[in-house]
Every structure is written in C-alpha cells, then in structure tokens.
C-alpha cells in the first residue's frame, strides 16, 4: 500500500514538473505584448509577438461576470511576419470593462501586471458623453549600442513610460517616430523587423501595452531614413511592418496605400494622417508639391464637414501652424500652397473644433493662429518621449502661446463636461509625472459664433 502511494506521489510530482515546464516554455516564447489596440462598442483589437513560431489566442471576460469566458480565434505566428499576431475580441458589449489572458501553444502565460481593456460607451440618445483622457507623444528612441551613433546615447529616461502608465489614460496616441530605423535597418526586411522588435520589447513598455488602448501614426524614422518621402524605395516594406506592429482600426483610405485612418472616442473625432507615403521631397522645386496630397486632404475635409464632434483632432506628425523653416526643421510651411489650401478649406466650410496634434520637434509647445473671420486654430506639439531634446526656446515661432518644453515629456488630454459645453484640459508632464504646463479650451472657443 505504501509503495502504491509512493508511486502515485512520484507520478503527481512528475505531472506537476511537466505542467510547470510547459508554462515556463510558453512564457519564454513571449517576445513582447500583449498590446490592446483599437476599441469599438462591440470589438477590440489586440497585438502580440512571440520569438519563434507559435499558436496564440486570448481568453477574455467581463469583470462583472468572470465565470463566463470567451476566446478569440487562434493565430499562428511566423518568421516572415516578425512572429506577430493580431487578434480580435468580438463577443463584447458596449460600456464594459474586460480582463483577459494570453495563451501560447494552449498554455496560459503568467503576467504580473493587469491585462484589461474597455469597450466604447453607448451614450448617444441616453446621456451626456463620458469624460475620457488620452496620452500623446512622439520620438521614442530605445538605445542599441552596436547600431547607434558613437558617443552619448541618444535615448534616455525610459521611466517616462512608467509615468504614462501611472497616469491611467484610456488610450495613447503615438504621434510618430515611435521607433527609430537606423542605417543598418531600413534597407532589409530583417533589419526593419529587428528595429521595431527591439523597441517594442522594452520592459518598461509592457504594462502600458497590456491595459491602455493604443493608436499610432508615423513620421520619417518609422517610415525610412531621416526626412524621407514618397521616393523612399523600400516604403512598401516599412508600411507592411507598420501594419504588422500596430492594431489601428484600418490602414489607408479610398483603396489607397498608407496609414491614414479614423477613430472616435466618446464624442470626439480623431483623424490620423499620413505625412510620408505621398509626400514630395522637401527640396523639390515645385510650389504645388504635395505633403498630404489632394486625395487625402479631400478625405479629411469630407469627414470634417460631416463631423459633429466638439473637438476634431487632426494628427499630422509635423507641425502644421509653425511657419519656421530651415536648419533641418520640417514643418507644413515647406509645402506652403497645400497648407494654405487645407486651412482655406477648413475656413470656407466653416468647420468648427479643429485642433492639430503634432510631434517631431524634440520639444513641446502650443501654437495658436488667429484668424480674422473665424476662431483661432491650435497645434499641440508633443515631443520628445525619450529621444534627444532639441530646445525650442530660441526658435522664433511667432504663434507659440505656451512655454517651450525643452525636456523629455508627454501630454495628457482630458475631455469632460456636458454635451454642447465640453472642455479640453491639456497637461504636459515630465519623466516623473510632474506637471510642467497646463492649458484649457472650451468647445465654444472653437466656434464661428463665439
């Protein structure tokens, strides 16, 4: 009898060891993520990356009913796709919060931080729109010594990501230069995948990916070489990589390539523009040279005209209003006729509530353009998260109304208040989460009949 019990005990121990080994193996297959992407009322997107071929899926449940669990479709990761997977949770209801678990090769991955997501609230015809907040920023450089320039590391202060996480936004909007392709990267598929993987795998980033929704646009360093444009020969590969590593609601409009897309959060509209794929070279001797291009501008105006949002955020990566040029500075002013066309169309169509969001400059500031016959336009520039700082205090931006924030920083924007009287509060924070500068707007400040 004792011998039999001993055999059972040893057998149970072996099963435990095997089970634990499987869990450790599934854990070791996780490269980065999971990341929560776009949020709709009935659907949420996810992203995850393994470090070798594996089968992944997500199990999720409403926090109000943890005993009723649902599962996404299973997806197999492959080397050619950077071992990335995009999954969709579609058995959802509006206005709810969900927890989730990641499974790799049918084994649950043990993760020591919260994994959660939310669906958009169904408030229309029922109540005032909900309060919400989002974080935004640009220029996220993660050092890798053997591929970086010699000398002082260009990236630093990664603790800013922890401060963003602790600020508890509903989502984050990345404003470009979200990873920095290097000389060794942009001319090969392996190099492109390596760079994004290296950046996305930063340990400080993982909790933020796991419970805050993420949207993104790109700029030159996600797209190709410094100041690159439509002529970049490998742009279709960097576009493919962008699609693999972000869970935006869509990529490109009207059947065109590029990253242009749109989403709504509560009663606010977000238009994510592509400032690289269709852009003519900065130095092209053509006064009609395109920056966004006619078709993308027409798409934007069509949607702005029909939008009833109190705030209409147009994310463009480069500064729109600042007229300063030269010394490697890229602003919309370099494409002056197209810039004038866009601003003229906004005024001609009496489109209210437009606010531009930009990054790129390695300092933060708010620009305000007064207009004689209409409300002033604002451009909120947020840069840099971790890349080297380029002070703007000595730059003569005639439209700057804020201080020049010449340190690593991020902005958190909160929209609150009752319908038809919504207020926007924008706070800039340093790497430790301390407020540097604050700014407020009411939706009535952005109307023609103020």
Protein backbone atom coordinates (compact mmCIF):
# COMPACT_ATOMS: atom_id res chain seq x y z
CA UNK A 1 0.00 0.00 0.00
CA UNK A 2 2.79 2.42 0.93
CA UNK A 3 4.62 1.53 -2.29
CA UNK A 4 1.49 2.28 -4.30
CA UNK A 5 1.05 5.65 -2.54
CA UNK A 6 4.69 6.47 -3.21
CA UNK A 7 4.21 5.68 -6.92
CA UNK A 8 1.16 7.98 -7.02
CA UNK A 9 3.09 10.75 -5.26
CA UNK A 10 6.03 10.49 -7.68
CA UNK A 11 3.64 10.39 -10.64
CA UNK A 12 1.83 13.51 -9.38
CA UNK A 13 5.15 15.27 -8.91
CA UNK A 14 6.20 14.39 -12.45
CA UNK A 15 2.90 15.77 -13.80
CA UNK A 16 3.46 18.96 -11.82
CA UNK A 17 7.00 19.31 -13.16
CA UNK A 18 5.82 18.73 -16.74
CA UNK A 19 2.98 21.22 -16.33
CA UNK A 20 5.30 23.83 -14.82
CA UNK A 21 7.84 23.27 -17.59
CA UNK A 22 5.13 23.85 -20.21
CA UNK A 23 4.14 27.11 -18.51
CA UNK A 24 7.78 28.26 -18.42
CA UNK A 25 8.18 27.31 -22.08
CA UNK A 26 5.09 29.29 -23.12
CA UNK A 27 6.36 32.18 -21.01
CA UNK A 28 9.74 32.07 -22.76
CA UNK A 29 8.03 32.24 -26.18
CA UNK A 30 6.60 35.70 -25.46
CA UNK A 31 8.71 38.43 -27.03
CA UNK A 32 6.54 41.50 -26.31
CA UNK A 33 2.98 42.45 -25.58
CA UNK A 34 0.19 41.69 -25.47
CA UNK A 35 -0.95 45.14 -26.55
CA UNK A 36 -4.50 46.46 -26.58
CA UNK A 37 -5.32 48.26 -29.84
CA UNK A 38 -8.42 50.00 -31.13
CA UNK A 39 -11.66 49.95 -29.15
CA UNK A 40 -15.17 49.93 -30.59
CA UNK A 41 -18.51 49.25 -28.89
CA UNK A 42 -18.60 45.59 -29.92
CA UNK A 43 -15.00 44.84 -30.87
CA UNK A 44 -11.43 45.36 -29.62
CA UNK A 45 -8.14 44.63 -31.38
CA UNK A 46 -5.00 43.07 -29.84
CA UNK A 47 -1.39 42.57 -30.84
CA UNK A 48 1.24 40.17 -29.53
CA UNK A 49 4.69 38.98 -30.59
CA UNK A 50 6.41 35.67 -29.95
CA UNK A 51 10.09 34.88 -30.55
CA UNK A 52 9.50 31.74 -32.62
CA UNK A 53 6.63 30.02 -34.37
CA UNK A 54 3.72 29.52 -32.02
CA UNK A 55 -0.06 29.50 -31.82
CA UNK A 56 -1.62 32.32 -29.80
CA UNK A 57 -5.07 33.30 -28.64
CA UNK A 58 -6.68 35.43 -25.94
CA UNK A 59 -9.31 34.45 -23.40
CA UNK A 60 -11.38 37.33 -22.04
CA UNK A 61 -14.30 38.00 -19.70
CA UNK A 62 -16.44 40.85 -18.43
CA UNK A 63 -15.27 41.94 -14.99
CA UNK A 64 -18.91 41.78 -13.87
CA UNK A 65 -19.19 38.12 -14.90
CA UNK A 66 -15.79 36.40 -14.55
CA UNK A 67 -17.26 32.91 -14.89
CA UNK A 68 -18.34 33.49 -18.49
CA UNK A 69 -15.24 33.49 -20.68
CA UNK A 70 -14.81 33.94 -24.42
CA UNK A 71 -11.91 33.15 -26.72
CA UNK A 72 -10.53 34.86 -29.80
CA UNK A 73 -9.66 32.89 -32.92
CA UNK A 74 -6.27 31.21 -32.78
CA UNK A 75 -3.43 32.65 -34.86
CA UNK A 76 -0.09 31.14 -35.75
CA UNK A 77 2.96 33.42 -35.80
CA UNK A 78 5.62 33.10 -38.49
CA UNK A 79 9.15 34.37 -39.00
CA UNK A 80 8.27 36.32 -42.16
CA UNK A 81 5.73 38.35 -40.19
CA UNK A 82 8.09 39.05 -37.33
CA UNK A 83 6.28 36.42 -35.24
CA UNK A 84 3.48 38.95 -34.71
CA UNK A 85 -0.23 38.27 -34.37
CA UNK A 86 -3.29 40.49 -34.39
CA UNK A 87 -6.36 39.15 -32.65
CA UNK A 88 -9.92 40.41 -32.27
CA UNK A 89 -12.29 40.10 -29.32
CA UNK A 90 -15.77 40.38 -30.82
CA UNK A 91 -18.12 38.86 -28.24
CA UNK A 92 -18.42 42.17 -26.44
CA UNK A 93 -21.00 44.62 -25.19
CA UNK A 94 -20.68 48.43 -25.10
CA UNK A 95 -19.71 50.36 -21.97
CA UNK A 96 -17.92 47.46 -20.29
CA UNK A 97 -14.51 46.63 -18.83
CA UNK A 98 -12.93 43.22 -19.53
CA UNK A 99 -9.97 41.25 -18.24
CA UNK A 100 -8.03 38.90 -20.48
CA UNK A 101 -5.33 36.23 -20.54
CA UNK A 102 -2.79 35.35 -23.22
CA UNK A 103 -2.26 31.74 -24.29
CA UNK A 104 0.71 30.50 -26.28
CA UNK A 105 0.56 26.93 -27.57
CA UNK A 106 -2.51 26.39 -25.39
CA UNK A 107 -0.67 27.35 -22.20
CA UNK A 108 -1.60 30.43 -20.20
CA UNK A 109 1.23 32.97 -19.98
CA UNK A 110 1.82 34.20 -16.44
CA UNK A 111 1.96 38.01 -16.45
CA UNK A 112 2.44 40.02 -13.26
CA UNK A 113 0.55 43.17 -14.26
CA UNK A 114 -3.05 43.95 -15.17
CA UNK A 115 -4.39 42.82 -18.54
CA UNK A 116 -7.63 44.65 -19.27
CA UNK A 117 -9.49 46.56 -21.95
CA UNK A 118 -12.69 48.53 -22.37
CA UNK A 119 -15.39 48.92 -24.97
CA UNK A 120 -16.66 52.32 -26.00
CA UNK A 121 -19.65 53.64 -24.11
CA UNK A 122 -23.09 53.69 -25.69
CA UNK A 123 -24.13 57.16 -24.56
CA UNK A 124 -25.88 58.58 -27.64
CA UNK A 125 -29.55 59.48 -27.11
CA UNK A 126 -29.19 58.39 -23.47
CA UNK A 127 -26.94 60.76 -21.54
CA UNK A 128 -24.12 63.27 -21.80
CA UNK A 129 -20.92 61.97 -23.43
CA UNK A 130 -18.50 60.44 -20.93
CA UNK A 131 -15.32 62.02 -19.66
CA UNK A 132 -12.18 60.43 -21.05
CA UNK A 133 -8.45 61.05 -21.25
CA UNK A 134 -5.64 60.11 -23.57
CA UNK A 135 -1.87 60.45 -23.53
CA UNK A 136 0.09 61.53 -26.57
CA UNK A 137 3.74 61.97 -27.50
CA UNK A 138 6.39 61.26 -30.13
CA UNK A 139 10.07 60.47 -30.65
CA UNK A 140 10.56 57.20 -28.76
CA UNK A 141 14.20 56.15 -29.08
CA UNK A 142 15.48 52.97 -27.42
CA UNK A 143 19.26 52.56 -27.46
CA UNK A 144 21.06 49.60 -29.01
CA UNK A 145 24.73 50.44 -28.76
CA UNK A 146 26.14 48.49 -31.69
CA UNK A 147 23.73 50.18 -34.12
CA UNK A 148 23.64 53.65 -32.53
CA UNK A 149 25.86 56.59 -33.31
CA UNK A 150 29.07 56.65 -31.25
CA UNK A 151 29.15 58.89 -28.20
CA UNK A 152 26.45 59.83 -25.73
CA UNK A 153 23.38 57.58 -26.06
CA UNK A 154 20.54 59.33 -27.90
CA UNK A 155 17.79 57.68 -25.86
CA UNK A 156 17.21 58.07 -22.11
CA UNK A 157 14.63 58.47 -19.35
CA UNK A 158 12.67 55.31 -20.12
CA UNK A 159 10.90 55.77 -16.77
CA UNK A 160 8.63 58.21 -18.61
CA UNK A 161 6.71 55.15 -19.85
CA UNK A 162 6.01 54.10 -16.26
CA UNK A 163 4.77 57.64 -15.54
CA UNK A 164 2.42 57.41 -18.53
CA UNK A 165 1.12 54.08 -17.24
CA UNK A 166 0.54 55.51 -13.77
CA UNK A 167 -1.43 58.44 -15.24
CA UNK A 168 -4.15 55.91 -16.21
CA UNK A 169 -5.28 57.22 -19.59
CA UNK A 170 -7.99 55.48 -21.60
CA UNK A 171 -5.71 55.32 -24.62
CA UNK A 172 -2.39 56.52 -26.04
CA UNK A 173 -1.95 58.18 -29.42
CA UNK A 174 1.62 57.83 -30.72
CA UNK A 175 2.49 60.84 -32.91
CA UNK A 176 5.32 59.35 -34.98
CA UNK A 177 8.97 58.39 -34.65
CA UNK A 178 7.63 55.60 -32.47
CA UNK A 179 10.80 53.66 -33.24
CA UNK A 180 13.95 54.84 -34.99
CA UNK A 181 15.08 52.86 -38.00
CA UNK A 182 18.88 53.06 -38.25
CA UNK A 183 21.24 52.86 -41.21
CA UNK A 184 21.57 49.11 -40.62
CA UNK A 185 17.80 48.64 -40.66
CA UNK A 186 15.85 50.36 -43.39
CA UNK A 187 17.26 48.53 -46.43
CA UNK A 188 16.26 45.00 -45.35
CA UNK A 189 13.13 43.28 -44.08
CA UNK A 190 15.11 41.62 -41.28
CA UNK A 191 16.57 44.97 -40.25
CA UNK A 192 13.14 46.64 -40.13
CA UNK A 193 11.66 43.81 -38.06
CA UNK A 194 14.67 43.79 -35.74
CA UNK A 195 14.41 47.50 -35.01
CA UNK A 196 10.71 47.52 -34.20
CA UNK A 197 11.02 44.31 -32.16
CA UNK A 198 13.91 45.74 -30.14
CA UNK A 199 11.97 48.92 -29.34
CA UNK A 200 8.67 47.17 -28.63
CA UNK A 201 10.40 44.75 -26.21
CA UNK A 202 11.47 47.45 -23.74
CA UNK A 203 10.49 46.09 -20.29
CA UNK A 204 9.05 49.42 -19.10
CA UNK A 205 6.66 49.40 -22.03
CA UNK A 206 4.92 46.09 -21.36
CA UNK A 207 2.40 47.10 -18.62
CA UNK A 208 1.36 50.13 -20.68
CA UNK A 209 0.76 47.94 -23.72
CA UNK A 210 -1.30 45.48 -21.71
CA UNK A 211 -4.06 47.70 -20.36
CA UNK A 212 -4.11 51.00 -22.28
CA UNK A 213 -5.52 51.15 -25.81
CA UNK A 214 -3.04 52.26 -28.49
CA UNK A 215 -3.30 54.12 -31.81
CA UNK A 216 -0.44 55.41 -33.94
CA UNK A 217 0.69 57.47 -36.91
CA UNK A 218 4.21 57.50 -38.29
CA UNK A 219 6.91 60.00 -39.20
CA UNK A 220 10.19 59.75 -41.07
CA UNK A 221 12.02 57.45 -38.64
CA UNK A 222 9.22 54.83 -38.68
CA UNK A 223 8.97 55.25 -42.46
CA UNK A 224 12.63 55.23 -43.52
CA UNK A 225 15.71 57.48 -43.44
CA UNK A 226 15.72 60.95 -41.91
CA UNK A 227 13.34 63.34 -43.75
CA UNK A 228 12.31 60.56 -46.14
CA UNK A 229 9.42 60.96 -48.58
CA UNK A 230 7.38 59.21 -51.32
CA UNK A 231 10.58 58.40 -53.19
CA UNK A 232 11.89 56.04 -50.50
CA UNK A 233 12.36 52.80 -52.42
CA UNK A 234 11.50 50.48 -49.51
CA UNK A 235 8.39 52.31 -48.26
CA UNK A 236 6.06 49.41 -49.01
CA UNK A 237 8.07 47.24 -46.64
CA UNK A 238 8.05 49.80 -43.82
CA UNK A 239 4.31 50.20 -44.42
CA UNK A 240 3.87 46.42 -44.15
CA UNK A 241 5.84 46.46 -40.90
CA UNK A 242 3.75 49.32 -39.51
CA UNK A 243 0.61 47.30 -40.20
CA UNK A 244 2.12 44.24 -38.50
CA UNK A 245 3.05 46.06 -35.30
CA UNK A 246 0.06 48.36 -34.74
CA UNK A 247 -3.60 47.49 -34.15
CA UNK A 248 -5.22 50.59 -35.67
CA UNK A 249 -8.81 50.21 -36.91
CA UNK A 250 -7.63 50.44 -40.55
CA UNK A 251 -4.74 51.49 -42.79
CA UNK A 252 -5.24 53.77 -45.79
CA UNK A 253 -8.47 55.21 -47.21
CA UNK A 254 -10.34 55.08 -50.51
CA UNK A 255 -8.40 52.00 -51.58
CA UNK A 256 -5.05 53.78 -51.33
CA UNK A 257 -1.92 52.66 -49.51
CA UNK A 258 -0.61 54.46 -46.45
CA UNK A 259 -1.59 54.60 -42.79
CA UNK A 260 -4.46 57.11 -42.83
CA UNK A 261 -7.35 56.18 -40.57
CA UNK A 262 -10.02 57.48 -38.22
CA UNK A 263 -11.49 56.65 -34.85
CA UNK A 264 -13.94 58.17 -32.41
CA UNK A 265 -13.73 58.19 -28.63
CA UNK A 266 -16.89 59.30 -26.86
CA UNK A 267 -18.00 62.40 -28.82
CA UNK A 268 -14.53 63.35 -30.12
CA UNK A 269 -13.19 62.53 -33.60
CA UNK A 270 -9.57 61.65 -34.39
CA UNK A 271 -8.18 61.82 -37.93
CA UNK A 272 -4.80 60.09 -38.26
CA UNK A 273 -2.97 61.41 -41.30
CA UNK A 274 -0.10 60.00 -43.35
CA UNK A 275 2.59 62.68 -43.82
CA UNK A 276 5.16 60.46 -45.60
CA UNK A 277 3.79 58.00 -48.14
CA UNK A 278 2.50 60.64 -50.61
CA UNK A 279 4.86 63.47 -49.66
CA UNK A 280 7.10 65.09 -52.26
CA UNK A 281 10.75 65.72 -51.31
CA UNK A 282 11.22 68.76 -49.10
CA UNK A 283 13.61 70.35 -51.58
CA UNK A 284 11.64 69.65 -54.75
CA UNK A 285 11.44 72.84 -56.85
CA UNK A 286 7.66 72.77 -57.30
CA UNK A 287 5.44 75.22 -55.45
CA UNK A 288 2.50 72.80 -55.86
CA UNK A 289 4.33 69.84 -54.34
CA UNK A 290 2.12 67.61 -52.16
CA UNK A 291 2.53 66.92 -48.46
CA UNK A 292 -0.65 65.01 -47.66
CA UNK A 293 -1.81 65.04 -51.27
CA UNK A 294 -5.13 66.07 -52.83
CA UNK A 295 -6.97 62.81 -52.20
CA UNK A 296 -6.02 62.60 -48.54
CA UNK A 297 -6.98 66.25 -47.99
CA UNK A 298 -10.32 65.70 -49.71
CA UNK A 299 -10.99 62.69 -47.48
CA UNK A 300 -10.16 64.78 -44.42
CA UNK A 301 -12.38 67.71 -45.44
CA UNK A 302 -15.26 65.40 -46.38
CA UNK A 303 -15.18 63.89 -42.91
CA UNK A 304 -14.59 67.14 -41.05
CA UNK A 305 -17.60 68.68 -42.78
CA UNK A 306 -19.90 65.87 -41.62
CA UNK A 307 -18.40 65.59 -38.13
CA UNK A 308 -20.45 66.89 -35.21
CA UNK A 309 -17.65 66.40 -32.69
CA UNK A 310 -16.90 69.34 -30.36
CA UNK A 311 -13.19 68.66 -30.84
CA UNK A 312 -11.79 67.28 -34.09
CA UNK A 313 -8.18 66.21 -33.59
CA UNK A 314 -6.09 66.02 -36.76
CA UNK A 315 -2.83 64.15 -36.06
CA UNK A 316 -0.21 65.06 -38.66
CA UNK A 317 3.25 64.30 -37.10
CA UNK A 318 4.92 67.51 -38.41
CA UNK A 319 3.87 70.92 -37.14
CA UNK A 320 1.07 72.49 -39.16
CA UNK A 321 0.92 76.11 -37.97
CA UNK A 322 4.53 76.97 -37.09
CA UNK A 323 5.95 78.92 -40.08
CA UNK A 324 9.61 78.40 -39.11
CA UNK A 325 11.76 76.52 -41.63
CA UNK A 326 15.44 75.77 -42.21
CA UNK A 327 18.24 74.04 -40.27
CA UNK A 328 16.64 70.66 -40.89
CA UNK A 329 13.27 71.78 -39.47
CA UNK A 330 10.33 70.10 -41.20
CA UNK A 331 7.04 71.98 -40.95
CA UNK A 332 3.98 72.22 -43.22
CA UNK A 333 5.26 75.67 -44.23
CA UNK A 334 7.64 73.91 -46.65
CA UNK A 335 4.50 72.97 -48.61
CA UNK A 336 3.00 76.42 -48.35
CA UNK A 337 0.37 76.22 -51.11
CA UNK A 338 -1.04 72.92 -49.86
CA UNK A 339 -1.03 74.24 -46.29
CA UNK A 340 -2.94 77.34 -47.40
CA UNK A 341 -5.38 75.12 -49.31
CA UNK A 342 -6.12 72.98 -46.24
CA UNK A 343 -6.60 75.94 -43.91
CA UNK A 344 -8.72 77.71 -46.52
CA UNK A 345 -10.99 74.67 -46.92
CA UNK A 346 -11.47 74.49 -43.15
CA UNK A 347 -12.49 78.15 -43.13
CA UNK A 348 -14.58 78.05 -46.31
CA UNK A 349 -16.63 75.14 -44.99
CA UNK A 350 -16.95 76.72 -41.54
CA UNK A 351 -15.59 73.60 -39.86
CA UNK A 352 -15.54 74.10 -36.12
CA UNK A 353 -13.48 72.46 -33.38
CA UNK A 354 -10.32 71.62 -35.35
CA UNK A 355 -7.15 71.03 -33.32
CA UNK A 356 -3.90 69.79 -34.83
CA UNK A 357 -1.68 67.29 -32.99
CA UNK A 358 1.98 67.07 -33.96
CA UNK A 359 5.31 65.75 -32.71
CA UNK A 360 8.73 65.52 -34.40
CA UNK A 361 10.40 68.64 -32.99
CA UNK A 362 12.04 67.21 -29.83
CA UNK A 363 10.41 69.92 -27.74
CA UNK A 364 6.78 70.63 -26.91
CA UNK A 365 4.73 73.78 -27.40
CA UNK A 366 1.27 75.04 -28.27
CA UNK A 367 0.84 77.23 -31.35
CA UNK A 368 -2.19 79.45 -31.93
CA UNK A 369 -3.10 81.01 -35.28
CA UNK A 370 -5.56 83.89 -35.01
CA UNK A 371 -7.92 84.16 -37.98
CA UNK A 372 -9.80 87.33 -38.86
CA UNK A 373 -13.16 85.77 -39.77
CA UNK A 374 -13.20 82.67 -37.61
CA UNK A 375 -11.99 81.04 -34.40
CA UNK A 376 -8.22 80.55 -33.82
CA UNK A 377 -6.55 77.31 -34.80
CA UNK A 378 -4.34 75.42 -32.34
CA UNK A 379 -1.47 72.99 -32.88
CA UNK A 380 -0.45 70.93 -29.82
CA UNK A 381 3.11 69.68 -30.37
CA UNK A 382 4.31 66.91 -28.03
CA UNK A 383 7.93 65.75 -28.24
CA UNK A 384 10.20 64.09 -27.19
CA UNK A 385 9.45 60.98 -25.14
CA UNK A 386 12.99 59.54 -24.92
CA UNK A 387 14.95 60.80 -27.95
CA UNK A 388 17.43 63.66 -27.61
CA UNK A 389 15.97 67.07 -26.82
CA UNK A 390 16.24 69.97 -29.30
CA UNK A 391 15.35 73.20 -27.41
CA UNK A 392 12.71 75.40 -28.98
CA UNK A 393 13.07 78.37 -26.65
CA UNK A 394 15.45 80.15 -29.02
CA UNK A 395 13.34 79.37 -32.09
CA UNK A 396 11.17 82.20 -33.31
CA UNK A 397 7.78 80.52 -33.62
CA UNK A 398 5.52 83.59 -33.76
CA UNK A 399 2.42 81.53 -32.92
CA UNK A 400 3.73 79.91 -29.74
CA UNK A 401 1.50 80.72 -26.76
CA UNK A 402 2.99 78.27 -24.27
CA UNK A 403 6.43 77.92 -22.80
CA UNK A 404 8.82 75.80 -24.84
CA UNK A 405 9.11 72.49 -23.00
CA UNK A 406 12.73 71.55 -23.58
CA UNK A 407 12.91 68.22 -21.77
CA UNK A 408 11.50 64.72 -22.16
CA UNK A 409 7.76 64.97 -21.67
CA UNK A 410 4.31 63.68 -22.56
CA UNK A 411 0.87 65.28 -22.67
CA UNK A 412 -2.36 64.02 -21.16
CA UNK A 413 -5.54 65.48 -22.61
CA UNK A 414 -8.83 65.14 -20.74
CA UNK A 415 -12.22 65.91 -22.29
CA UNK A 416 -15.08 66.44 -19.86
CA UNK A 417 -18.31 68.32 -19.27
CA UNK A 418 -21.87 68.12 -20.58
CA UNK A 419 -22.81 67.93 -24.24
CA UNK A 420 -22.52 71.32 -26.00
CA UNK A 421 -20.21 72.56 -23.25
CA UNK A 422 -17.25 70.20 -23.43
CA UNK A 423 -13.91 71.26 -22.02
CA UNK A 424 -10.43 70.13 -23.02
CA UNK A 425 -7.61 70.19 -20.48
CA UNK A 426 -4.08 69.52 -21.69
CA UNK A 427 -1.36 68.88 -19.11
CA UNK A 428 2.29 68.36 -20.03
CA UNK A 429 4.27 66.10 -17.66
CA UNK A 430 7.97 65.45 -17.10
CA UNK A 431 9.52 61.99 -16.95
CA UNK A 432 8.48 61.54 -13.32
CA UNK A 433 4.86 62.54 -13.88
CA UNK A 434 5.09 66.11 -12.55
CA UNK A 435 3.03 68.79 -14.30
CA UNK A 436 5.12 71.22 -16.37
CA UNK A 437 2.45 73.24 -18.14
CA UNK A 438 -1.36 73.30 -18.35
CA UNK A 439 -3.77 74.58 -20.98
CA UNK A 440 -7.56 74.61 -21.33
CA UNK A 441 -10.09 75.12 -24.11
CA UNK A 442 -13.87 75.03 -24.18
CA UNK A 443 -15.63 73.80 -27.28
CA UNK A 444 -17.25 77.23 -27.60
CA UNK A 445 -13.78 78.73 -28.04
CA UNK A 446 -13.62 76.86 -31.36
CA UNK A 447 -16.89 78.02 -32.90
CA UNK A 448 -17.58 80.66 -35.53
CA UNK A 449 -20.25 82.41 -33.49
CA UNK A 450 -18.43 82.77 -30.21
